[in-house]
């Protein structure tokens, strides 16, 4: 990946997305193009299995935060908001847009993007948040931290269970 080495060697690596300003500009516009039809949520396999993920809520939460950032004391003020000038936002995406459990619940199937009538790319935001969590913050989902046991064999059996399970069923 071009530039990956330079990004990793920087004092503060910029990989993935931690805050709104780390998202590509079309993804910021996705927040305003969302028509709240909830089709993305309806086809999401993570949401269908009872997980907290709602791709629609991600877009709406981004929109609400952008509205707060751009708010002026007077509606007649045409002065640009500090965010428009490149100022950093205060809150990480994991504080207002989506929770960590939802980020890791996404199966990256792309159904949300495929069904969206305005072609929002919610899954790409989630992937960028994951990328930041893993490559910069060093955070992984709890489920990947435990040692895996092959073929659902009890952990006490160790490698012998995995070896015998890979040889197939015994008669």
N, C-alpha and C. Protein backbone atom coordinates (compact mmCIF):
# COMPACT_ATOMS: atom_id res chain seq x y z
N UNK A 1 0.84 -1.17 0.00
CA UNK A 1 0.00 0.00 0.00
C UNK A 1 0.89 1.24 0.00
N UNK A 2 0.67 2.10 -0.97
CA UNK A 2 1.51 3.28 -1.12
C UNK A 2 1.32 4.21 0.07
N UNK A 3 2.41 4.61 0.66
CA UNK A 3 2.37 5.53 1.77
C UNK A 3 2.15 4.89 3.13
N UNK A 4 1.93 3.58 3.17
CA UNK A 4 1.68 2.91 4.44
C UNK A 4 2.88 2.99 5.36
N UNK A 5 4.07 2.78 4.80
CA UNK A 5 5.28 2.83 5.61
C UNK A 5 5.48 4.21 6.23
N UNK A 6 5.26 5.26 5.41
CA UNK A 6 5.42 6.62 5.91
C UNK A 6 4.39 6.92 7.00
N UNK A 7 3.17 6.47 6.79
CA UNK A 7 2.12 6.71 7.77
C UNK A 7 2.41 6.02 9.09
N UNK A 8 2.95 4.81 9.02
CA UNK A 8 3.24 4.06 10.24
C UNK A 8 4.43 4.65 11.00
N UNK A 9 5.37 5.25 10.28
CA UNK A 9 6.56 5.80 10.90
C UNK A 9 6.35 7.21 11.45
N UNK A 10 5.24 7.85 11.12
CA UNK A 10 4.96 9.19 11.61
C UNK A 10 4.75 9.17 13.12
N UNK A 11 4.97 10.33 13.75
CA UNK A 11 4.78 10.42 15.20
C UNK A 11 3.34 10.10 15.59
N UNK A 12 2.40 10.61 14.83
CA UNK A 12 0.99 10.31 15.05
C UNK A 12 0.43 9.75 13.75
N UNK A 13 0.44 8.43 13.59
CA UNK A 13 -0.01 7.84 12.33
C UNK A 13 -1.47 8.16 12.04
N UNK A 14 -1.77 8.43 10.77
CA UNK A 14 -3.14 8.71 10.33
C UNK A 14 -3.61 7.55 9.46
N UNK A 15 -4.03 6.51 10.10
CA UNK A 15 -4.56 5.34 9.41
C UNK A 15 -5.98 5.12 9.88
N UNK A 16 -6.89 4.96 8.96
CA UNK A 16 -8.28 4.76 9.34
C UNK A 16 -8.91 6.08 9.76
N UNK A 17 -9.99 5.98 10.52
CA UNK A 17 -10.72 7.17 10.94
C UNK A 17 -11.00 7.12 12.43
N UNK A 18 -10.54 8.14 13.11
CA UNK A 18 -10.85 8.28 14.54
C UNK A 18 -11.91 9.35 14.75
N UNK A 19 -11.81 10.44 13.97
CA UNK A 19 -12.72 11.56 14.11
C UNK A 19 -13.33 11.88 12.75
N UNK A 20 -14.30 12.78 12.74
CA UNK A 20 -14.98 13.15 11.50
C UNK A 20 -14.01 13.62 10.42
N UNK A 21 -13.01 14.40 10.81
CA UNK A 21 -12.09 14.96 9.80
C UNK A 21 -11.23 13.89 9.14
N UNK A 22 -11.20 12.68 9.71
CA UNK A 22 -10.42 11.59 9.11
C UNK A 22 -11.19 10.88 8.00
N UNK A 23 -12.48 11.14 7.89
CA UNK A 23 -13.28 10.52 6.84
C UNK A 23 -13.10 11.28 5.53
N UNK A 24 -13.22 10.57 4.43
CA UNK A 24 -13.17 11.21 3.12
C UNK A 24 -14.39 12.15 2.99
N UNK A 25 -14.27 13.22 2.22
CA UNK A 25 -15.36 14.19 2.13
C UNK A 25 -16.66 13.59 1.59
N UNK A 26 -16.63 12.62 0.65
CA UNK A 26 -17.91 12.06 0.22
C UNK A 26 -18.64 11.34 1.36
N UNK A 27 -17.89 10.82 2.32
CA UNK A 27 -18.53 10.11 3.43
C UNK A 27 -19.17 11.09 4.41
N UNK A 28 -18.65 12.31 4.45
CA UNK A 28 -19.32 13.34 5.25
C UNK A 28 -20.64 13.74 4.58
N UNK A 29 -20.64 13.80 3.27
CA UNK A 29 -21.87 14.12 2.55
C UNK A 29 -22.90 13.00 2.67
N UNK A 30 -22.43 11.76 2.85
CA UNK A 30 -23.36 10.65 3.05
C UNK A 30 -24.30 10.91 4.21
N UNK A 31 -23.81 11.60 5.22
CA UNK A 31 -24.64 11.90 6.39
C UNK A 31 -25.85 12.74 6.00
N UNK A 32 -25.68 13.63 5.04
CA UNK A 32 -26.79 14.49 4.61
C UNK A 32 -27.60 13.89 3.47
N UNK A 33 -27.04 12.95 2.76
CA UNK A 33 -27.80 12.35 1.67
C UNK A 33 -28.71 11.21 2.15
N UNK A 34 -28.47 10.71 3.36
CA UNK A 34 -29.30 9.63 3.91
C UNK A 34 -30.75 10.10 4.03
N UNK A 35 -31.68 9.32 3.48
CA UNK A 35 -33.10 9.69 3.52
C UNK A 35 -33.85 8.95 4.62
N UNK A 36 -33.13 8.25 5.48
CA UNK A 36 -33.67 7.56 6.64
C UNK A 36 -34.74 6.53 6.26
N UNK A 37 -34.51 5.82 5.18
CA UNK A 37 -35.46 4.79 4.77
C UNK A 37 -35.25 3.49 5.56
N UNK A 38 -34.08 3.35 6.19
CA UNK A 38 -33.71 2.18 7.01
C UNK A 38 -33.61 0.88 6.22
N UNK A 39 -33.47 0.97 4.91
CA UNK A 39 -33.27 -0.25 4.12
C UNK A 39 -31.96 -0.92 4.51
N UNK A 40 -30.94 -0.11 4.77
CA UNK A 40 -29.64 -0.67 5.16
C UNK A 40 -29.76 -1.47 6.45
N UNK A 41 -30.51 -0.95 7.37
CA UNK A 41 -30.70 -1.65 8.64
C UNK A 41 -31.53 -2.92 8.45
N UNK A 42 -32.50 -2.87 7.55
CA UNK A 42 -33.36 -4.03 7.31
C UNK A 42 -32.61 -5.21 6.69
N UNK A 43 -31.58 -4.93 5.87
CA UNK A 43 -30.85 -6.01 5.22
C UNK A 43 -29.56 -6.39 5.94
N UNK A 44 -29.23 -5.68 7.00
CA UNK A 44 -27.99 -5.93 7.73
C UNK A 44 -28.07 -7.26 8.49
N UNK A 45 -27.18 -8.23 8.18
CA UNK A 45 -27.22 -9.51 8.90
C UNK A 45 -26.87 -9.38 10.38
N UNK A 46 -26.02 -8.43 10.72
CA UNK A 46 -25.69 -8.23 12.13
C UNK A 46 -26.91 -7.72 12.89
N UNK A 47 -27.62 -6.79 12.30
CA UNK A 47 -28.83 -6.27 12.93
C UNK A 47 -29.90 -7.35 13.02
N UNK A 48 -30.01 -8.19 11.99
CA UNK A 48 -31.01 -9.26 11.98
C UNK A 48 -30.77 -10.30 13.07
N UNK A 49 -29.52 -10.43 13.50
CA UNK A 49 -29.21 -11.41 14.56
C UNK A 49 -29.21 -10.77 15.94
N UNK A 50 -29.71 -9.55 16.04
CA UNK A 50 -29.87 -8.92 17.34
C UNK A 50 -28.68 -8.09 17.81
N UNK A 51 -27.69 -7.90 16.96
CA UNK A 51 -26.55 -7.07 17.35
C UNK A 51 -26.95 -5.60 17.25
N UNK A 52 -26.18 -4.75 17.88
CA UNK A 52 -26.52 -3.33 18.01
C UNK A 52 -26.25 -2.52 16.74
N UNK A 53 -25.73 -3.12 15.69
CA UNK A 53 -25.35 -2.37 14.50
C UNK A 53 -26.56 -1.84 13.74
N UNK A 54 -26.52 -0.55 13.44
CA UNK A 54 -27.51 0.09 12.59
C UNK A 54 -26.78 1.04 11.66
N UNK A 55 -26.59 0.64 10.39
CA UNK A 55 -25.90 1.52 9.45
C UNK A 55 -26.59 2.87 9.29
N UNK A 56 -27.92 2.88 9.38
CA UNK A 56 -28.66 4.14 9.26
C UNK A 56 -28.34 5.06 10.43
N UNK A 57 -28.25 4.51 11.63
CA UNK A 57 -27.94 5.32 12.81
C UNK A 57 -26.56 5.94 12.70
N UNK A 58 -25.62 5.24 12.09
CA UNK A 58 -24.27 5.79 11.89
C UNK A 58 -24.36 7.08 11.08
N UNK A 59 -25.10 7.06 9.98
CA UNK A 59 -25.22 8.25 9.13
C UNK A 59 -25.96 9.37 9.84
N UNK A 60 -27.03 9.04 10.55
CA UNK A 60 -27.81 10.06 11.25
C UNK A 60 -26.98 10.69 12.37
N UNK A 61 -26.22 9.87 13.09
CA UNK A 61 -25.37 10.39 14.17
C UNK A 61 -24.27 11.31 13.62
N UNK A 62 -23.71 10.96 12.46
CA UNK A 62 -22.73 11.84 11.83
C UNK A 62 -23.38 13.18 11.48
N UNK A 63 -24.58 13.12 10.94
CA UNK A 63 -25.30 14.34 10.56
C UNK A 63 -25.56 15.23 11.78
N UNK A 64 -25.99 14.62 12.86
CA UNK A 64 -26.27 15.39 14.07
C UNK A 64 -25.01 16.07 14.60
N UNK A 65 -23.89 15.36 14.59
CA UNK A 65 -22.63 15.95 15.07
C UNK A 65 -22.17 17.07 14.14
N UNK A 66 -22.30 16.87 12.84
CA UNK A 66 -21.93 17.94 11.90
C UNK A 66 -22.80 19.17 12.11
N UNK A 67 -24.08 18.97 12.41
CA UNK A 67 -24.97 20.11 12.67
C UNK A 67 -24.54 20.86 13.93
N UNK A 68 -24.12 20.14 14.96
CA UNK A 68 -23.65 20.77 16.20
C UNK A 68 -22.37 21.55 15.93
N UNK A 69 -21.46 20.95 15.18
CA UNK A 69 -20.17 21.60 14.87
C UNK A 69 -20.39 22.87 14.07
N UNK A 70 -21.33 22.85 13.13
CA UNK A 70 -21.54 23.99 12.23
C UNK A 70 -22.50 25.02 12.80
N UNK A 71 -23.06 24.78 13.97
CA UNK A 71 -24.04 25.71 14.55
C UNK A 71 -23.40 27.06 14.87
N UNK A 72 -24.14 28.11 14.59
CA UNK A 72 -23.70 29.48 14.88
C UNK A 72 -24.68 30.09 15.86
N UNK A 73 -24.22 31.05 16.66
CA UNK A 73 -25.14 31.71 17.59
C UNK A 73 -26.29 32.42 16.87
N UNK A 74 -26.03 32.87 15.68
CA UNK A 74 -27.06 33.56 14.91
C UNK A 74 -27.24 32.86 13.57
N UNK A 75 -28.48 32.58 13.17
CA UNK A 75 -28.68 31.93 11.87
C UNK A 75 -28.33 32.83 10.69
N UNK A 76 -28.11 34.13 10.95
CA UNK A 76 -27.80 35.06 9.88
C UNK A 76 -26.30 35.24 9.69
N UNK A 77 -25.50 34.53 10.47
CA UNK A 77 -24.05 34.61 10.37
C UNK A 77 -23.56 33.75 9.22
N UNK A 78 -22.76 34.32 8.36
CA UNK A 78 -22.22 33.57 7.24
C UNK A 78 -20.77 33.20 7.46
N UNK A 79 -20.31 33.30 8.69
CA UNK A 79 -18.94 32.97 9.02
C UNK A 79 -18.78 31.44 9.02
N UNK A 80 -17.72 30.92 8.38
CA UNK A 80 -17.53 29.46 8.34
C UNK A 80 -17.21 28.91 9.73
N UNK A 81 -17.65 27.69 9.96
CA UNK A 81 -17.35 27.01 11.22
C UNK A 81 -15.87 26.63 11.24
N UNK A 82 -15.25 26.54 12.43
CA UNK A 82 -13.84 26.16 12.51
C UNK A 82 -13.55 24.82 11.82
N UNK A 83 -14.49 23.89 11.85
CA UNK A 83 -14.32 22.59 11.21
C UNK A 83 -14.10 22.75 9.71
N UNK A 84 -14.79 23.71 9.11
CA UNK A 84 -14.64 23.96 7.67
C UNK A 84 -13.24 24.47 7.33
N UNK A 85 -12.60 25.09 8.29
CA UNK A 85 -11.25 25.61 8.08
C UNK A 85 -10.16 24.61 8.42
N UNK A 86 -10.55 23.40 8.78
CA UNK A 86 -9.57 22.37 9.08
C UNK A 86 -9.32 22.13 10.55
N UNK A 87 -10.08 22.76 11.42
CA UNK A 87 -9.91 22.55 12.86
C UNK A 87 -10.35 21.15 13.25
N UNK A 88 -9.72 20.60 14.26
CA UNK A 88 -10.05 19.25 14.72
C UNK A 88 -11.36 19.25 15.50
N UNK A 89 -12.07 18.16 15.41
CA UNK A 89 -13.29 18.00 16.20
C UNK A 89 -12.92 17.47 17.58
N UNK A 90 -13.86 17.61 18.50
CA UNK A 90 -13.57 17.23 19.88
C UNK A 90 -13.81 15.75 20.15
N UNK A 91 -14.81 15.17 19.51
CA UNK A 91 -15.25 13.82 19.87
C UNK A 91 -14.83 12.78 18.84
N UNK A 92 -14.31 11.65 19.31
CA UNK A 92 -14.05 10.53 18.39
C UNK A 92 -15.36 9.93 17.88
N UNK A 93 -15.31 9.33 16.73
CA UNK A 93 -16.50 8.69 16.14
C UNK A 93 -17.10 7.65 17.08
N UNK A 94 -16.26 6.96 17.83
CA UNK A 94 -16.76 5.92 18.74
C UNK A 94 -17.53 6.50 19.93
N UNK A 95 -17.49 7.81 20.11
CA UNK A 95 -18.24 8.43 21.20
C UNK A 95 -19.64 8.84 20.78
N UNK A 96 -19.82 9.21 19.51
CA UNK A 96 -21.14 9.74 19.12
C UNK A 96 -21.77 9.02 17.93
N UNK A 97 -20.99 8.46 17.04
CA UNK A 97 -21.55 7.92 15.81
C UNK A 97 -21.92 6.45 15.91
N UNK A 98 -21.06 5.68 16.54
CA UNK A 98 -21.24 4.23 16.59
C UNK A 98 -20.45 3.70 17.79
N UNK A 99 -20.94 2.64 18.39
CA UNK A 99 -20.20 2.09 19.53
C UNK A 99 -19.26 0.99 19.07
N UNK A 100 -18.32 0.64 19.92
CA UNK A 100 -17.29 -0.33 19.55
C UNK A 100 -17.88 -1.70 19.23
N UNK A 101 -18.90 -2.10 19.98
CA UNK A 101 -19.54 -3.38 19.72
C UNK A 101 -20.11 -3.44 18.30
N UNK A 102 -20.73 -2.36 17.86
CA UNK A 102 -21.31 -2.31 16.52
C UNK A 102 -20.24 -2.33 15.43
N UNK A 103 -19.11 -1.67 15.69
CA UNK A 103 -18.02 -1.66 14.71
C UNK A 103 -17.56 -3.08 14.42
N UNK A 104 -17.44 -3.89 15.46
CA UNK A 104 -16.96 -5.25 15.27
C UNK A 104 -18.07 -6.22 14.90
N UNK A 105 -19.34 -5.80 15.02
CA UNK A 105 -20.45 -6.67 14.63
C UNK A 105 -20.64 -6.70 13.12
N UNK A 106 -20.17 -5.69 12.43
CA UNK A 106 -20.33 -5.62 10.97
C UNK A 106 -19.63 -6.79 10.30
N UNK A 107 -20.35 -7.45 9.40
CA UNK A 107 -19.79 -8.60 8.69
C UNK A 107 -19.11 -8.19 7.38
N UNK A 108 -19.13 -6.92 7.05
CA UNK A 108 -18.59 -6.36 5.81
C UNK A 108 -19.14 -7.06 4.57
N UNK A 109 -20.41 -7.39 4.61
CA UNK A 109 -21.05 -8.06 3.47
C UNK A 109 -21.39 -7.08 2.35
N UNK A 110 -21.56 -5.80 2.69
CA UNK A 110 -21.87 -4.79 1.69
C UNK A 110 -23.34 -4.66 1.36
N UNK A 111 -24.21 -5.40 2.04
CA UNK A 111 -25.64 -5.33 1.75
C UNK A 111 -26.19 -3.93 1.97
N UNK A 112 -25.69 -3.24 2.99
CA UNK A 112 -26.16 -1.88 3.29
C UNK A 112 -25.88 -0.94 2.12
N UNK A 113 -24.70 -1.06 1.55
CA UNK A 113 -24.32 -0.19 0.44
C UNK A 113 -25.08 -0.57 -0.84
N UNK A 114 -25.33 -1.84 -1.02
CA UNK A 114 -26.01 -2.30 -2.22
C UNK A 114 -27.47 -1.86 -2.26
N UNK A 115 -28.12 -1.84 -1.11
CA UNK A 115 -29.55 -1.55 -1.07
C UNK A 115 -29.83 -0.05 -0.92
N UNK A 116 -28.84 0.74 -0.60
CA UNK A 116 -29.05 2.18 -0.35
C UNK A 116 -29.47 2.90 -1.62
N UNK A 117 -30.63 3.57 -1.61
CA UNK A 117 -31.09 4.26 -2.83
C UNK A 117 -30.26 5.49 -3.18
N UNK A 118 -29.51 6.05 -2.22
CA UNK A 118 -28.67 7.21 -2.50
C UNK A 118 -27.19 6.86 -2.49
N UNK A 119 -26.89 5.60 -2.46
CA UNK A 119 -25.54 5.04 -2.55
C UNK A 119 -24.61 5.52 -1.44
N UNK A 120 -25.13 5.60 -0.21
CA UNK A 120 -24.27 5.87 0.94
C UNK A 120 -23.34 4.68 1.14
N UNK A 121 -22.19 4.94 1.73
CA UNK A 121 -21.18 3.89 1.92
C UNK A 121 -20.88 3.72 3.40
N UNK A 122 -21.89 3.27 4.16
CA UNK A 122 -21.75 3.12 5.60
C UNK A 122 -20.66 2.14 5.97
N UNK A 123 -20.56 1.04 5.25
CA UNK A 123 -19.59 0.00 5.57
C UNK A 123 -18.15 0.53 5.48
N UNK A 124 -17.89 1.45 4.57
CA UNK A 124 -16.54 1.99 4.44
C UNK A 124 -16.15 2.81 5.66
N UNK A 125 -17.12 3.51 6.26
CA UNK A 125 -16.85 4.21 7.52
C UNK A 125 -16.45 3.21 8.60
N UNK A 126 -17.20 2.13 8.69
CA UNK A 126 -16.95 1.11 9.71
C UNK A 126 -15.57 0.48 9.51
N UNK A 127 -15.21 0.21 8.27
CA UNK A 127 -13.89 -0.37 7.98
C UNK A 127 -12.79 0.61 8.38
N UNK A 128 -12.99 1.90 8.10
CA UNK A 128 -11.97 2.89 8.49
C UNK A 128 -11.85 3.01 10.00
N UNK A 129 -12.97 2.92 10.71
CA UNK A 129 -12.92 2.97 12.17
C UNK A 129 -12.17 1.74 12.69
N UNK A 130 -12.46 0.58 12.13
CA UNK A 130 -11.73 -0.64 12.51
C UNK A 130 -10.25 -0.51 12.25
N UNK A 131 -9.92 0.03 11.08
CA UNK A 131 -8.51 0.18 10.69
C UNK A 131 -7.78 1.05 11.71
N UNK A 132 -8.41 2.12 12.14
CA UNK A 132 -7.78 2.98 13.16
C UNK A 132 -7.64 2.22 14.47
N UNK A 133 -8.68 1.50 14.86
CA UNK A 133 -8.64 0.78 16.13
C UNK A 133 -7.50 -0.25 16.15
N UNK A 134 -7.32 -0.96 15.06
CA UNK A 134 -6.31 -2.02 15.02
C UNK A 134 -4.91 -1.46 14.79
N UNK A 135 -4.74 -0.60 13.79
CA UNK A 135 -3.40 -0.19 13.38
C UNK A 135 -2.82 0.96 14.18
N UNK A 136 -3.67 1.79 14.79
CA UNK A 136 -3.17 2.93 15.54
C UNK A 136 -3.38 2.72 17.05
N UNK A 137 -4.61 2.40 17.43
CA UNK A 137 -4.92 2.26 18.85
C UNK A 137 -4.53 0.89 19.40
N UNK A 138 -4.33 -0.09 18.52
CA UNK A 138 -3.96 -1.44 18.98
C UNK A 138 -5.09 -2.16 19.68
N UNK A 139 -6.33 -1.84 19.32
CA UNK A 139 -7.51 -2.47 19.93
C UNK A 139 -8.08 -3.51 18.99
N UNK A 140 -8.48 -4.63 19.57
CA UNK A 140 -9.09 -5.72 18.82
C UNK A 140 -10.39 -6.10 19.50
N UNK A 141 -11.31 -6.73 18.78
CA UNK A 141 -12.55 -7.16 19.45
C UNK A 141 -12.24 -8.22 20.50
N UNK A 142 -13.05 -8.25 21.53
CA UNK A 142 -12.85 -9.21 22.62
C UNK A 142 -12.84 -10.65 22.11
N UNK A 143 -13.66 -10.95 21.13
CA UNK A 143 -13.76 -12.33 20.64
C UNK A 143 -12.47 -12.82 19.99
N UNK A 144 -11.65 -11.92 19.45
CA UNK A 144 -10.41 -12.36 18.81
C UNK A 144 -9.24 -12.42 19.80
N UNK A 145 -9.46 -12.03 21.03
CA UNK A 145 -8.39 -12.04 22.02
C UNK A 145 -8.22 -13.40 22.67
N UNK A 146 -9.26 -14.19 22.69
CA UNK A 146 -9.15 -15.49 23.34
C UNK A 146 -8.51 -16.48 22.38
N UNK A 147 -7.80 -17.48 22.90
CA UNK A 147 -7.19 -18.46 22.00
C UNK A 147 -8.27 -19.31 21.35
N UNK A 148 -8.13 -19.51 20.06
CA UNK A 148 -9.13 -20.31 19.37
C UNK A 148 -8.79 -21.78 19.49
N UNK A 149 -9.82 -22.58 19.50
CA UNK A 149 -9.65 -24.02 19.58
C UNK A 149 -10.25 -24.61 18.31
N UNK A 150 -9.46 -25.36 17.60
CA UNK A 150 -9.90 -25.91 16.32
C UNK A 150 -11.05 -26.90 16.50
N UNK A 151 -12.01 -26.83 15.60
CA UNK A 151 -13.12 -27.78 15.52
C UNK A 151 -13.95 -27.83 16.81
N UNK A 152 -13.97 -26.77 17.57
CA UNK A 152 -14.75 -26.68 18.81
C UNK A 152 -14.38 -27.77 19.80
N UNK A 153 -13.16 -28.24 19.75
CA UNK A 153 -12.70 -29.27 20.69
C UNK A 153 -12.42 -28.62 22.03
N UNK A 154 -12.60 -29.32 23.11
CA UNK A 154 -12.28 -28.75 24.42
C UNK A 154 -10.81 -28.34 24.48
N UNK A 155 -10.56 -27.23 25.15
CA UNK A 155 -9.20 -26.70 25.23
C UNK A 155 -8.25 -27.66 25.93
N UNK A 156 -8.77 -28.52 26.79
CA UNK A 156 -7.91 -29.45 27.52
C UNK A 156 -7.31 -30.51 26.62
N UNK A 157 -7.92 -30.76 25.46
CA UNK A 157 -7.40 -31.78 24.55
C UNK A 157 -6.21 -31.26 23.74
N UNK A 158 -6.12 -29.95 23.58
CA UNK A 158 -4.98 -29.35 22.91
C UNK A 158 -4.83 -29.76 21.46
N UNK A 159 -3.58 -29.88 21.02
CA UNK A 159 -3.27 -30.16 19.62
C UNK A 159 -3.72 -31.54 19.19
N UNK A 160 -3.79 -32.50 20.10
CA UNK A 160 -4.19 -33.85 19.69
C UNK A 160 -5.63 -33.87 19.20
N UNK A 161 -6.49 -33.05 19.79
CA UNK A 161 -7.88 -32.99 19.34
C UNK A 161 -7.97 -32.39 17.95
N UNK A 162 -7.20 -31.33 17.71
CA UNK A 162 -7.24 -30.68 16.41
C UNK A 162 -6.69 -31.62 15.34
N UNK A 163 -5.67 -32.38 15.65
CA UNK A 163 -5.09 -33.32 14.70
C UNK A 163 -6.07 -34.43 14.37
N UNK A 164 -6.68 -35.01 15.38
CA UNK A 164 -7.62 -36.11 15.13
C UNK A 164 -8.88 -35.59 14.44
N UNK A 165 -9.31 -34.35 14.74
CA UNK A 165 -10.49 -33.80 14.10
C UNK A 165 -10.22 -33.53 12.62
N UNK A 166 -8.99 -33.16 12.28
CA UNK A 166 -8.69 -32.88 10.89
C UNK A 166 -8.57 -34.16 10.05
N UNK A 167 -8.41 -35.29 10.70
CA UNK A 167 -8.33 -36.56 9.97
C UNK A 167 -9.72 -37.08 9.62
N UNK A 168 -10.76 -36.42 10.08
CA UNK A 168 -12.12 -36.83 9.75
C UNK A 168 -12.73 -37.70 10.84
N UNK A 169 -13.99 -38.07 10.67
CA UNK A 169 -14.68 -38.88 11.67
C UNK A 169 -14.14 -40.30 11.72
N UNK A 170 -14.19 -40.86 12.90
CA UNK A 170 -13.74 -42.24 13.06
C UNK A 170 -14.95 -43.17 13.11
N UNK A 171 -14.77 -44.34 12.59
CA UNK A 171 -15.89 -45.30 12.55
C UNK A 171 -16.03 -46.04 13.85
